[in-house]
Amino acid sequence: MGRLVLSREWNQEIVIGDPAKPEEQISVKLTKARKGAKLVIEAPRNVPINRREVLDAIVREAVQ
């Protein structure tokens, strides 16, 4: 698995996926919040989006 670390200004977007297939792309946008920042994530409905702790719990339950 690779890792890419990017710096973004408020309201700038990162788009993940094939430019030729916009319906399969995932976009991540950094927006301001009262405390810190918020990530706005848009993805196809068939792509699960979970916080890490939720995903870890799902995996633990699946293994049991």
Protein backbone atom coordinates (compact mmCIF):
# COMPACT_ATOMS: atom_id res chain seq x y z
CA MET A 1 0.00 0.00 0.00
CA GLY A 2 1.30 3.45 -0.84
CA ARG A 3 0.94 6.72 0.99
CA LEU A 4 0.73 10.23 -0.32
CA VAL A 5 0.79 13.24 2.01
CA LEU A 6 -0.60 16.46 0.55
CA SER A 7 -1.09 19.98 1.84
CA ARG A 8 -4.36 21.67 0.94
CA GLU A 9 -5.87 25.08 1.56
CA TRP A 10 -9.43 25.40 2.87
CA ASN A 11 -12.04 24.27 0.32
CA GLN A 12 -9.47 22.69 -2.00
CA GLU A 13 -10.23 19.18 -3.22
CA ILE A 14 -8.29 15.99 -3.83
CA VAL A 15 -9.75 13.62 -6.43
CA ILE A 16 -8.88 9.92 -6.33
CA GLY A 17 -9.51 7.68 -9.31
CA ASP A 18 -9.33 7.44 -13.08
CA PRO A 19 -10.05 10.78 -14.82
CA ALA A 20 -11.72 8.81 -17.63
CA LYS A 21 -14.25 7.35 -15.15
CA PRO A 22 -15.64 10.28 -13.12
CA GLU A 23 -18.50 8.12 -11.81
CA GLU A 24 -15.92 6.00 -9.95
CA GLN A 25 -13.91 8.88 -8.50
CA ILE A 26 -13.64 9.77 -4.83
CA SER A 27 -13.22 13.40 -3.83
CA VAL A 28 -11.97 14.68 -0.48
CA LYS A 29 -12.37 18.32 0.48
CA LEU A 30 -11.00 20.11 3.54
CA THR A 31 -13.43 22.60 5.08
CA LYS A 32 -13.23 24.74 8.19
CA ALA A 33 -15.12 23.87 11.33
CA ARG A 34 -15.45 25.62 14.68
CA LYS A 35 -12.89 23.26 16.19
CA GLY A 36 -10.27 22.12 13.68
CA ALA A 37 -11.30 20.97 10.23
CA LYS A 38 -13.83 18.74 8.50
CA LEU A 39 -13.30 16.37 5.60
CA VAL A 40 -16.05 16.20 3.01
CA ILE A 41 -15.85 12.87 1.15
CA GLU A 42 -17.84 12.06 -1.96
CA ALA A 43 -17.65 8.54 -3.38
CA PRO A 44 -19.75 6.09 -5.37
CA ARG A 45 -22.39 4.36 -3.22
CA ASN A 46 -20.63 0.99 -3.62
CA VAL A 47 -17.44 2.32 -1.94
CA PRO A 48 -17.62 1.96 1.85
CA ILE A 49 -16.35 4.95 3.86
CA ASN A 50 -15.54 4.32 7.53
CA ARG A 51 -13.55 5.95 10.28
CA ARG A 52 -10.54 3.75 11.16
CA GLU A 53 -11.94 2.74 14.57
CA VAL A 54 -15.23 1.66 12.99
CA LEU A 55 -13.46 -0.34 10.29
CA ASP A 56 -11.27 -2.05 12.92
CA ALA A 57 -14.39 -3.06 14.87
CA ILE A 58 -16.04 -4.43 11.72
CA VAL A 59 -12.94 -6.49 10.94
CA ARG A 60 -12.70 -7.81 14.52
CA GLU A 61 -16.35 -8.90 14.44
CA ALA A 62 -15.90 -10.59 11.07
CA VAL A 63 -12.94 -12.63 12.37
CA GLN A 64 -14.85 -13.94 15.42
